[in-house]
Amino acid sequence: MFLRKKTIKGHEYWYLVENTWNEGKSRQHVLKYLGKRESFDMGKVIKYIEEENKKKKIKKQELKESK
């Protein structure tokens, strides 16, 4: 997961994006539109990304152990 900044007509807009693999190709999916930088708390976004990454790690570990 990562943040993407797009500049449209001089205004910056932020998105939360995730890479996934589909049929051997990498695809990027917008998970959430965050808006202009002033409209969201970067600390909360970073914390959310860290929590989601921990959840994914745990799921991978559980899948490994079940095999």
Protein backbone atom coordinates (compact mmCIF):
# COMPACT_ATOMS: atom_id res chain seq x y z
CA MET A 1 0.00 0.00 0.00
CA PHE A 2 1.17 3.46 -0.75
CA LEU A 3 -0.01 7.03 -1.25
CA ARG A 4 -0.34 8.52 -4.70
CA LYS A 5 -0.52 12.24 -5.36
CA LYS A 6 -2.16 13.50 -8.53
CA THR A 7 -1.97 17.11 -9.64
CA ILE A 8 -5.03 18.17 -11.61
CA LYS A 9 -5.34 21.76 -12.83
CA GLY A 10 -2.81 22.86 -10.23
CA HIS A 11 -4.57 21.13 -7.30
CA GLU A 12 -3.07 18.13 -5.50
CA TYR A 13 -5.29 15.14 -4.68
CA TRP A 14 -4.24 12.09 -2.68
CA TYR A 15 -5.20 8.42 -3.01
CA LEU A 16 -4.48 5.26 -1.04
CA VAL A 17 -3.37 2.64 -3.59
CA GLU A 18 -2.53 -1.07 -3.44
CA ASN A 19 -0.72 -3.31 -5.91
CA THR A 20 -2.20 -6.73 -6.67
CA TRP A 21 -1.28 -9.51 -9.09
CA ASN A 22 -3.82 -10.74 -11.63
CA GLU A 23 -3.01 -13.27 -14.36
CA GLY A 24 0.71 -12.64 -13.95
CA LYS A 25 0.39 -8.86 -14.23
CA SER A 26 0.64 -6.22 -11.55
CA ARG A 27 -2.42 -4.01 -11.16
CA GLN A 28 -2.90 -0.94 -9.03
CA HIS A 29 -6.22 -0.43 -7.26
CA VAL A 30 -7.32 2.75 -5.56
CA LEU A 31 -8.55 1.72 -2.12
CA LYS A 32 -9.60 5.15 -0.98
CA TYR A 33 -9.71 8.70 -2.20
CA LEU A 34 -8.25 10.90 0.53
CA GLY A 35 -8.82 14.33 -1.01
CA LYS A 36 -6.65 17.39 -0.69
CA ARG A 37 -3.73 17.21 1.74
CA GLU A 38 -5.36 19.62 4.17
CA SER A 39 -8.47 17.41 4.46
CA PHE A 40 -6.90 14.31 6.05
CA ASP A 41 -4.51 13.43 8.88
CA MET A 42 -1.34 11.86 7.45
CA GLY A 43 -0.55 10.22 10.80
CA LYS A 44 -3.85 8.33 10.76
CA VAL A 45 -3.27 7.21 7.17
CA ILE A 46 0.21 5.90 7.99
CA LYS A 47 -1.14 4.08 11.05
CA TYR A 48 -3.89 2.51 8.90
CA ILE A 49 -1.32 1.32 6.32
CA GLU A 50 0.87 -0.20 9.06
CA GLU A 51 -2.13 -2.03 10.59
CA GLU A 52 -3.23 -3.41 7.22
CA ASN A 53 0.31 -4.62 6.49
CA LYS A 54 0.40 -6.42 9.86
CA LYS A 55 -2.92 -8.12 9.08
CA LYS A 56 -1.60 -9.30 5.71
CA LYS A 57 1.55 -10.68 7.34
CA ILE A 58 -0.53 -12.62 9.87
CA LYS A 59 -2.76 -14.05 7.10
CA LYS A 60 0.29 -15.17 5.10
CA GLN A 61 1.78 -16.81 8.18
CA GLU A 62 -1.51 -18.61 8.94
CA LEU A 63 -1.69 -19.89 5.35
CA LYS A 64 1.91 -21.15 5.56
CA GLU A 65 1.23 -22.96 8.83
CA SER A 66 -1.96 -24.61 7.54
CA LYS A 67 -0.11 -26.32 4.64
